[in-house]
Amino acid sequence: MKKRLEEGRGLRFWDELFAEIFIQADKIKMNVEKTPKGVRVTETSDDSTVVLLIQSHADVVSKFADHGFEEAHKNHQVPAAKAVAKSVKLEYPIIAKFGGVLPRPKAVDQPKSGSKVVFDTTADSKAGEVNKGLDRAARLLNLYGVAGLNAKDVRITVVLNGEATKAALGQKAYAERFQVETNPNLILIRELQKVGVEVVVCGQALHYKGFSDNEVAEKLAIVASALTAVINRQADGYSYVPVP
């Protein structure tokens, strides 16, 4: 973790707390001390709001130890979100308003032209909120943008299934089923499609969730199953990225 902070190499990008930790990495001092039983890690910051992040991160790590994978699959909120300093302005070079990124020109593992990725998206989202799998795709594109590349330099497929299936519903069906005015996912889906991202929904999941085909938003393809879509993309050389 110490090396990742120093090099700006984040992890658990979909977890809000971890994402914020790496945004504020330059404000965190980490000392690793060897002890007879292992190591003692001390994290400090001169910024009081970042101290809140450090404390929350420590609490989450303890939960990982106590609850294992059950906890690891969860998203963790940024503490006192309004109090956390947003001193670093995120950039949106390809997809505006979604998937903001922090430029890291000196970090290793920069985006490579010609990459292909399939996001196997099962993550749930509250009614009226954007699904994090779609936001993850926007973030990847914006990472390419801040690195001086274009949307055409990466091929992306987002497969909506499981709890993420509802993100594929049209405005009317979404509003009626979840008692909100609009499906915010459709705005992002359209923006992703404009730059060549393929967004599809699992035909099996639609059935299991009780959604009819005619409730799916226009211009959004229904695949036979998420399983076959993911397998087919992997056979075509796509990297697999789950978004649980």
C-alpha atoms as a PDB file:
ATOM      1  CA  MET A   1       0.000   0.000   0.000  1.00  0.00           C
ATOM      2  CA  LYS A   2       2.874   2.369   0.852  1.00  0.00           C
ATOM      3  CA  LYS A   3       4.433   1.858  -2.572  1.00  0.00           C
ATOM      4  CA  ARG A   4       1.074   2.271  -4.318  1.00  0.00           C
ATOM      5  CA  LEU A   5       0.496   5.588  -2.559  1.00  0.00           C
ATOM      6  CA  GLU A   6       3.966   6.830  -3.464  1.00  0.00           C
ATOM      7  CA  GLU A   7       3.585   5.829  -7.118  1.00  0.00           C
ATOM      8  CA  GLY A   8      -0.067   6.808  -7.481  1.00  0.00           C
ATOM      9  CA  ARG A   9      -1.082   3.264  -8.412  1.00  0.00           C
ATOM     10  CA  GLY A  10      -4.589   2.954  -7.043  1.00  0.00           C
ATOM     11  CA  LEU A  11      -6.669  -0.132  -6.396  1.00  0.00           C
ATOM     12  CA  ARG A  12     -10.350  -0.873  -5.749  1.00  0.00           C
ATOM     13  CA  PHE A  13     -11.195   2.051  -8.052  1.00  0.00           C
ATOM     14  CA  TRP A  14     -14.904   1.325  -7.673  1.00  0.00           C
ATOM     15  CA  ASP A  15     -14.730   1.751  -3.873  1.00  0.00           C
ATOM     16  CA  GLU A  16     -15.334   5.432  -3.083  1.00  0.00           C
ATOM     17  CA  LEU A  17     -13.175   5.452   0.057  1.00  0.00           C
ATOM     18  CA  PHE A  18     -10.162   3.872  -1.658  1.00  0.00           C
ATOM     19  CA  ALA A  19     -10.554   6.125  -4.704  1.00  0.00           C
ATOM     20  CA  GLU A  20     -10.480   9.210  -2.456  1.00  0.00           C
ATOM     21  CA  ILE A  21      -7.459   7.874  -0.518  1.00  0.00           C
ATOM     22  CA  PHE A  22      -5.435   7.804  -3.740  1.00  0.00           C
ATOM     23  CA  ILE A  23      -6.685  11.211  -4.856  1.00  0.00           C
ATOM     24  CA  GLN A  24      -5.326  12.598  -1.572  1.00  0.00           C
ATOM     25  CA  ALA A  25      -2.193  10.390  -1.613  1.00  0.00           C
ATOM     26  CA  ASP A  26       0.257  13.303  -1.668  1.00  0.00           C
ATOM     27  CA  LYS A  27      -1.161  14.469   1.685  1.00  0.00           C
ATOM     28  CA  ILE A  28      -0.595  11.145   3.426  1.00  0.00           C
ATOM     29  CA  LYS A  29       2.640  10.178   5.190  1.00  0.00           C
ATOM     30  CA  MET A  30       3.076   6.465   5.834  1.00  0.00           C
ATOM     31  CA  ASN A  31       5.714   4.935   8.091  1.00  0.00           C
ATOM     32  CA  VAL A  32       6.291   1.185   8.150  1.00  0.00           C
ATOM     33  CA  GLU A  33       8.113  -0.169  11.198  1.00  0.00           C
ATOM     34  CA  LYS A  34       9.159  -3.797  11.664  1.00  0.00           C
ATOM     35  CA  THR A  35       8.121  -5.462  14.927  1.00  0.00           C
ATOM     36  CA  PRO A  36       8.640  -8.954  16.405  1.00  0.00           C
ATOM     37  CA  LYS A  37       5.095  -9.827  15.275  1.00  0.00           C
ATOM     38  CA  GLY A  38       5.231  -8.267  11.818  1.00  0.00           C
ATOM     39  CA  VAL A  39       4.961  -4.571  10.961  1.00  0.00           C
ATOM     40  CA  ARG A  40       3.391  -1.477  12.443  1.00  0.00           C
ATOM     41  CA  VAL A  41       2.016   1.007   9.916  1.00  0.00           C
ATOM     42  CA  THR A  42       1.460   4.614  10.941  1.00  0.00           C
ATOM     43  CA  GLU A  43      -0.380   6.984   8.614  1.00  0.00           C
ATOM     44  CA  THR A  44      -0.506  10.714   9.292  1.00  0.00           C
ATOM     45  CA  SER A  45      -1.539  13.903   7.519  1.00  0.00           C
ATOM     46  CA  ASP A  46      -1.415  17.632   8.160  1.00  0.00           C
ATOM     47  CA  ASP A  47      -4.884  17.907   6.612  1.00  0.00           C
ATOM     48  CA  SER A  48      -7.642  17.201   9.150  1.00  0.00           C
ATOM     49  CA  THR A  49     -10.057  16.030   6.486  1.00  0.00           C
ATOM     50  CA  VAL A  50      -7.515  13.524   5.172  1.00  0.00           C
ATOM     51  CA  VAL A  51      -7.074  12.267   8.737  1.00  0.00           C
ATOM     52  CA  LEU A  52     -10.746  11.255   8.557  1.00  0.00           C
ATOM     53  CA  LEU A  53      -9.962   9.271   5.415  1.00  0.00           C
ATOM     54  CA  ILE A  54      -7.027   7.532   7.106  1.00  0.00           C
ATOM     55  CA  GLN A  55      -9.149   6.608  10.115  1.00  0.00           C
ATOM     56  CA  SER A  56     -11.941   5.271   7.922  1.00  0.00           C
ATOM     57  CA  HIS A  57      -9.446   3.293   5.839  1.00  0.00           C
ATOM     58  CA  ALA A  58      -8.059   1.687   9.014  1.00  0.00           C
ATOM     59  CA  ASP A  59     -11.569   0.768  10.115  1.00  0.00           C
ATOM     60  CA  VAL A  60     -12.334  -0.827   6.735  1.00  0.00           C
ATOM     61  CA  VAL A  61      -9.079  -2.824   6.761  1.00  0.00           C
ATOM     62  CA  SER A  62     -10.081  -4.181  10.186  1.00  0.00           C
ATOM     63  CA  LYS A  63     -13.445  -5.174   8.730  1.00  0.00           C
ATOM     64  CA  PHE A  64     -11.639  -6.993   5.909  1.00  0.00           C
ATOM     65  CA  ALA A  65      -9.796  -9.027   8.550  1.00  0.00           C
ATOM     66  CA  ASP A  66     -12.988  -9.717  10.513  1.00  0.00           C
ATOM     67  CA  HIS A  67     -15.400 -10.445   7.656  1.00  0.00           C
ATOM     68  CA  GLY A  68     -13.213 -11.464   4.698  1.00  0.00           C
ATOM     69  CA  PHE A  69     -14.669 -11.486   1.180  1.00  0.00           C
ATOM     70  CA  GLU A  70     -18.114 -10.475   2.419  1.00  0.00           C
ATOM     71  CA  GLU A  71     -16.695  -7.081   3.385  1.00  0.00           C
ATOM     72  CA  ALA A  72     -14.267  -6.877   0.459  1.00  0.00           C
ATOM     73  CA  HIS A  73     -17.142  -6.838  -2.030  1.00  0.00           C
ATOM     74  CA  LYS A  74     -18.708  -3.747  -0.441  1.00  0.00           C
ATOM     75  CA  ASN A  75     -18.352  -0.102  -1.409  1.00  0.00           C
ATOM     76  CA  HIS A  76     -17.291   2.211   1.426  1.00  0.00           C
ATOM     77  CA  GLN A  77     -18.430   5.802   1.616  1.00  0.00           C
ATOM     78  CA  VAL A  78     -16.087   8.738   2.048  1.00  0.00           C
ATOM     79  CA  PRO A  79     -16.444  10.014   5.635  1.00  0.00           C
ATOM     80  CA  ALA A  80     -18.056  13.421   6.018  1.00  0.00           C
ATOM     81  CA  ALA A  81     -17.940  13.730   2.246  1.00  0.00           C
ATOM     82  CA  LYS A  82     -18.666  17.444   2.287  1.00  0.00           C
ATOM     83  CA  ALA A  83     -15.720  18.025   4.609  1.00  0.00           C
ATOM     84  CA  VAL A  84     -13.146  16.198   2.497  1.00  0.00           C
ATOM     85  CA  ALA A  85     -11.086  18.729   0.609  1.00  0.00           C
ATOM     86  CA  LYS A  86     -11.444  18.537  -3.148  1.00  0.00           C
ATOM     87  CA  SER A  87      -8.248  20.455  -3.752  1.00  0.00           C
ATOM     88  CA  VAL A  88      -7.381  18.426  -6.823  1.00  0.00           C
ATOM     89  CA  LYS A  89      -9.699  19.053  -9.735  1.00  0.00           C
ATOM     90  CA  LEU A  90     -10.732  15.926 -11.597  1.00  0.00           C
ATOM     91  CA  GLU A  91     -10.727  16.016 -15.381  1.00  0.00           C
ATOM     92  CA  TYR A  92     -13.286  14.758 -17.922  1.00  0.00           C
ATOM     93  CA  PRO A  93     -11.554  14.917 -21.321  1.00  0.00           C
ATOM     94  CA  ILE A  94     -13.725  12.366 -23.160  1.00  0.00           C
ATOM     95  CA  ILE A  95     -16.896  11.778 -21.113  1.00  0.00           C
ATOM     96  CA  ALA A  96     -18.087  14.986 -19.481  1.00  0.00           C
ATOM     97  CA  LYS A  97     -19.521  14.900 -15.933  1.00  0.00           C
ATOM     98  CA  PHE A  98     -18.905  11.175 -15.443  1.00  0.00           C
ATOM     99  CA  GLY A  99     -15.826   9.161 -14.465  1.00  0.00           C
ATOM    100  CA  GLY A 100     -13.596  12.051 -13.465  1.00  0.00           C
ATOM    101  CA  VAL A 101      -9.898  11.229 -13.178  1.00  0.00           C
ATOM    102  CA  LEU A 102      -6.758  12.671 -11.682  1.00  0.00           C
ATOM    103  CA  PRO A 103      -3.902  13.067 -14.195  1.00  0.00           C
ATOM    104  CA  ARG A 104      -0.837  11.061 -13.175  1.00  0.00           C
ATOM    105  CA  PRO A 105       1.662  11.676 -15.997  1.00  0.00           C
ATOM    106  CA  LYS A 106       4.641  10.312 -14.023  1.00  0.00           C
ATOM    107  CA  ALA A 107       2.931   7.127 -12.836  1.00  0.00           C
ATOM    108  CA  VAL A 108       3.715   3.743 -14.361  1.00  0.00           C
ATOM    109  CA  ASP A 109       1.234   1.587 -16.302  1.00  0.00           C
ATOM    110  CA  GLN A 110      -0.196   4.359 -18.432  1.00  0.00           C
ATOM    111  CA  PRO A 111      -3.040   3.507 -20.865  1.00  0.00           C
ATOM    112  CA  LYS A 112      -1.980   1.623 -23.995  1.00  0.00           C
ATOM    113  CA  SER A 113      -3.480   2.093 -27.432  1.00  0.00           C
ATOM    114  CA  GLY A 114      -5.165  -1.023 -28.776  1.00  0.00           C
ATOM    115  CA  SER A 115      -6.434  -2.348 -25.445  1.00  0.00           C
ATOM    116  CA  LYS A 116      -9.782  -4.127 -25.198  1.00  0.00           C
ATOM    117  CA  VAL A 117     -11.830  -4.616 -22.035  1.00  0.00           C
ATOM    118  CA  VAL A 118     -15.175  -6.106 -21.054  1.00  0.00           C
ATOM    119  CA  PHE A 119     -16.792  -4.875 -17.842  1.00  0.00           C
ATOM    120  CA  ASP A 120     -18.908  -7.672 -16.345  1.00  0.00           C
ATOM    121  CA  THR A 121     -21.251  -5.400 -14.421  1.00  0.00           C
ATOM    122  CA  THR A 122     -23.456  -6.874 -11.700  1.00  0.00           C
ATOM    123  CA  ALA A 123     -23.239  -3.947  -9.268  1.00  0.00           C
ATOM    124  CA  ASP A 124     -26.469  -2.593  -7.841  1.00  0.00           C
ATOM    125  CA  SER A 125     -27.249   1.106  -7.596  1.00  0.00           C
ATOM    126  CA  LYS A 126     -29.927   3.042  -5.795  1.00  0.00           C
ATOM    127  CA  ALA A 127     -32.912   4.227  -7.825  1.00  0.00           C
ATOM    128  CA  GLY A 128     -31.993   7.481  -9.525  1.00  0.00           C
ATOM    129  CA  GLU A 129     -28.227   6.894  -9.283  1.00  0.00           C
ATOM    130  CA  VAL A 130     -25.741   5.973 -12.019  1.00  0.00           C
ATOM    131  CA  ASN A 131     -24.441   2.417 -12.011  1.00  0.00           C
ATOM    132  CA  LYS A 132     -20.768   2.233 -11.119  1.00  0.00           C
ATOM    133  CA  GLY A 133     -20.003  -0.155 -14.001  1.00  0.00           C
ATOM    134  CA  LEU A 134     -21.039   2.499 -16.495  1.00  0.00           C
ATOM    135  CA  ASP A 135     -19.139   5.131 -14.535  1.00  0.00           C
ATOM    136  CA  ARG A 136     -16.095   2.830 -14.550  1.00  0.00           C
ATOM    137  CA  ALA A 137     -16.199   2.712 -18.341  1.00  0.00           C
ATOM    138  CA  ALA A 138     -16.356   6.518 -18.431  1.00  0.00           C
ATOM    139  CA  ARG A 139     -13.403   6.681 -16.062  1.00  0.00           C
ATOM    140  CA  LEU A 140     -11.327   4.393 -18.243  1.00  0.00           C
ATOM    141  CA  LEU A 141     -12.018   6.574 -21.261  1.00  0.00           C
ATOM    142  CA  ASN A 142     -11.081   9.692 -19.321  1.00  0.00           C
ATOM    143  CA  LEU A 143      -7.856   8.002 -18.212  1.00  0.00           C
ATOM    144  CA  TYR A 144      -7.061   7.567 -21.878  1.00  0.00           C
ATOM    145  CA  GLY A 145      -7.943  11.191 -22.485  1.00  0.00           C
ATOM    146  CA  VAL A 146      -5.648  12.636 -19.817  1.00  0.00           C
ATOM    147  CA  ALA A 147      -2.871  10.407 -21.185  1.00  0.00           C
ATOM    148  CA  GLY A 148      -3.225  12.076 -24.587  1.00  0.00           C
ATOM    149  CA  LEU A 149      -5.086   9.207 -26.248  1.00  0.00           C
ATOM    150  CA  ASN A 150      -8.547   9.054 -27.841  1.00  0.00           C
ATOM    151  CA  ALA A 151     -11.658   6.947 -27.341  1.00  0.00           C
ATOM    152  CA  LYS A 152     -10.782   4.949 -30.453  1.00  0.00           C
ATOM    153  CA  ASP A 153      -7.578   3.779 -28.753  1.00  0.00           C
ATOM    154  CA  VAL A 154      -9.519   1.415 -26.481  1.00  0.00           C
ATOM    155  CA  ARG A 155     -12.430  -0.917 -27.185  1.00  0.00           C
ATOM    156  CA  ILE A 156     -14.915  -1.296 -24.351  1.00  0.00           C
ATOM    157  CA  THR A 157     -17.941  -3.518 -23.800  1.00  0.00           C
ATOM    158  CA  VAL A 158     -20.160  -3.109 -20.734  1.00  0.00           C
ATOM    159  CA  VAL A 159     -22.353  -6.134 -19.975  1.00  0.00           C
ATOM    160  CA  LEU A 160     -25.224  -5.249 -17.627  1.00  0.00           C
ATOM    161  CA  ASN A 161     -26.547  -8.213 -15.661  1.00  0.00           C
ATOM    162  CA  GLY A 162     -27.576  -9.212 -12.167  1.00  0.00           C
ATOM    163  CA  GLU A 163     -28.595  -6.201 -10.084  1.00  0.00           C
ATOM    164  CA  ALA A 164     -27.218  -3.888 -12.779  1.00  0.00           C
ATOM    165  CA  THR A 165     -29.903  -5.029 -15.238  1.00  0.00           C
ATOM    166  CA  LYS A 166     -32.304  -2.250 -14.258  1.00  0.00           C
ATOM    167  CA  ALA A 167     -29.861   0.353 -15.573  1.00  0.00           C
ATOM    168  CA  ALA A 168     -30.859  -0.768 -19.084  1.00  0.00           C
ATOM    169  CA  LEU A 169     -34.537   0.160 -18.716  1.00  0.00           C
ATOM    170  CA  GLY A 170     -36.074   2.974 -20.736  1.00  0.00           C
ATOM    171  CA  GLN A 171     -37.219   6.172 -19.036  1.00  0.00           C
ATOM    172  CA  LYS A 172     -40.876   5.217 -18.703  1.00  0.00           C
ATOM    173  CA  ALA A 173     -40.294   1.702 -17.389  1.00  0.00           C
ATOM    174  CA  TYR A 174     -37.590   2.848 -14.967  1.00  0.00           C
ATOM    175  CA  ALA A 175     -39.717   5.696 -13.613  1.00  0.00           C
ATOM    176  CA  GLU A 176     -42.763   3.496 -13.138  1.00  0.00           C
ATOM    177  CA  ARG A 177     -40.877   0.667 -11.470  1.00  0.00           C
ATOM    178  CA  PHE A 178     -38.661   2.718  -9.168  1.00  0.00           C
ATOM    179  CA  GLN A 179     -40.779   5.832  -8.573  1.00  0.00           C
ATOM    180  CA  VAL A 180     -38.211   8.338  -9.797  1.00  0.00           C
ATOM    181  CA  GLU A 181     -38.435  10.873 -12.603  1.00  0.00           C
ATOM    182  CA  THR A 182     -35.729   9.538 -14.906  1.00  0.00           C
ATOM    183  CA  ASN A 183     -33.176   6.782 -15.435  1.00  0.00           C
ATOM    184  CA  PRO A 184     -29.877   8.697 -15.080  1.00  0.00           C
ATOM    185  CA  ASN A 185     -27.974   5.763 -16.590  1.00  0.00           C
ATOM    186  CA  LEU A 186     -29.388   6.484 -20.030  1.00  0.00           C
ATOM    187  CA  ILE A 187     -27.588   9.813 -20.290  1.00  0.00           C
ATOM    188  CA  LEU A 188     -24.278   8.120 -19.637  1.00  0.00           C
ATOM    189  CA  ILE A 189     -25.068   5.148 -21.870  1.00  0.00           C
ATOM    190  CA  ARG A 190     -25.740   7.487 -24.794  1.00  0.00           C
ATOM    191  CA  GLU A 191     -22.501   9.374 -24.182  1.00  0.00           C
ATOM    192  CA  LEU A 192     -20.565   6.116 -24.051  1.00  0.00           C
ATOM    193  CA  GLN A 193     -22.205   4.864 -27.234  1.00  0.00           C
ATOM    194  CA  LYS A 194     -21.298   8.094 -29.042  1.00  0.00           C
ATOM    195  CA  VAL A 195     -17.600   7.327 -28.583  1.00  0.00           C
ATOM    196  CA  GLY A 196     -17.884   3.671 -29.535  1.00  0.00           C
ATOM    197  CA  VAL A 197     -18.520   1.870 -26.253  1.00  0.00           C
ATOM    198  CA  GLU A 198     -20.717  -1.207 -26.616  1.00  0.00           C
ATOM    199  CA  VAL A 199     -23.339  -1.467 -23.853  1.00  0.00           C
ATOM    200  CA  VAL A 200     -25.453  -4.632 -23.719  1.00  0.00           C
ATOM    201  CA  VAL A 201     -27.874  -6.235 -21.276  1.00  0.00           C
ATOM    202  CA  CYS A 202     -28.233  -9.896 -20.361  1.00  0.00           C
ATOM    203  CA  GLY A 203     -31.369 -11.531 -21.779  1.00  0.00           C
ATOM    204  CA  GLN A 204     -31.408 -14.107 -18.980  1.00  0.00           C
ATOM    205  CA  ALA A 205     -31.178 -11.451 -16.275  1.00  0.00           C
ATOM    206  CA  LEU A 206     -34.083  -9.539 -17.810  1.00  0.00           C
ATOM    207  CA  HIS A 207     -36.201 -12.654 -17.425  1.00  0.00           C
ATOM    208  CA  TYR A 208     -35.063 -13.368 -13.856  1.00  0.00           C
ATOM    209  CA  LYS A 209     -35.703  -9.784 -12.803  1.00  0.00           C
ATOM    210  CA  GLY A 210     -39.147  -9.728 -14.390  1.00  0.00           C
ATOM    211  CA  PHE A 211     -38.357  -7.095 -17.032  1.00  0.00           C
ATOM    212  CA  SER A 212     -39.810  -7.452 -20.520  1.00  0.00           C
ATOM    213  CA  ASP A 213     -37.771  -6.854 -23.655  1.00  0.00           C
ATOM    214  CA  ASN A 214     -39.897  -3.871 -24.623  1.00  0.00           C
ATOM    215  CA  GLU A 215     -38.946  -2.136 -21.367  1.00  0.00           C
ATOM    216  CA  VAL A 216     -35.299  -2.006 -22.433  1.00  0.00           C
ATOM    217  CA  ALA A 217     -34.099   1.382 -23.697  1.00  0.00           C
ATOM    218  CA  GLU A 218     -33.861   1.920 -27.436  1.00  0.00           C
ATOM    219  CA  LYS A 219     -30.566   1.181 -29.179  1.00  0.00           C
ATOM    220  CA  LEU A 220     -29.411  -1.052 -26.329  1.00  0.00           C
ATOM    221  CA  ALA A 221     -28.755  -4.619 -27.455  1.00  0.00           C
ATOM    222  CA  ILE A 222     -30.031  -7.666 -25.576  1.00  0.00           C
ATOM    223  CA  VAL A 223     -27.511 -10.522 -25.575  1.00  0.00           C
ATOM    224  CA  ALA A 224     -28.423 -14.188 -25.137  1.00  0.00           C
ATOM    225  CA  SER A 225     -26.688 -14.139 -21.772  1.00  0.00           C
ATOM    226  CA  ALA A 226     -24.002 -12.280 -19.893  1.00  0.00           C
ATOM    227  CA  LEU A 227     -22.030 -15.522 -19.736  1.00  0.00           C
ATOM    228  CA  THR A 228     -21.849 -15.915 -23.491  1.00  0.00           C
ATOM    229  CA  ALA A 229     -21.191 -12.218 -24.086  1.00  0.00           C
ATOM    230  CA  VAL A 230     -18.263 -12.200 -21.653  1.00  0.00           C
ATOM    231  CA  ILE A 231     -16.856 -15.481 -22.979  1.00  0.00           C
ATOM    232  CA  ASN A 232     -17.114 -14.257 -26.565  1.00  0.00           C
ATOM    233  CA  ARG A 233     -15.327 -11.004 -25.780  1.00  0.00           C
ATOM    234  CA  GLN A 234     -12.571 -12.836 -23.917  1.00  0.00           C
ATOM    235  CA  ALA A 235     -12.154 -15.154 -26.893  1.00  0.00           C
ATOM    236  CA  ASP A 236     -11.650 -11.999 -28.969  1.00  0.00           C
ATOM    237  CA  GLY A 237      -8.851 -10.816 -26.676  1.00  0.00           C
ATOM    238  CA  TYR A 238     -10.731  -8.582 -24.275  1.00  0.00           C
ATOM    239  CA  SER A 239      -9.462  -8.223 -20.717  1.00  0.00           C
ATOM    240  CA  TYR A 240     -12.054  -9.203 -18.109  1.00  0.00           C
ATOM    241  CA  VAL A 241     -12.945  -6.673 -15.402  1.00  0.00           C
ATOM    242  CA  PRO A 242     -15.748  -7.565 -12.957  1.00  0.00           C
ATOM    243  CA  VAL A 243     -17.778  -4.765 -11.395  1.00  0.00           C
ATOM    244  CA  PRO A 244     -19.618  -6.420  -8.488  1.00  0.00           C
END
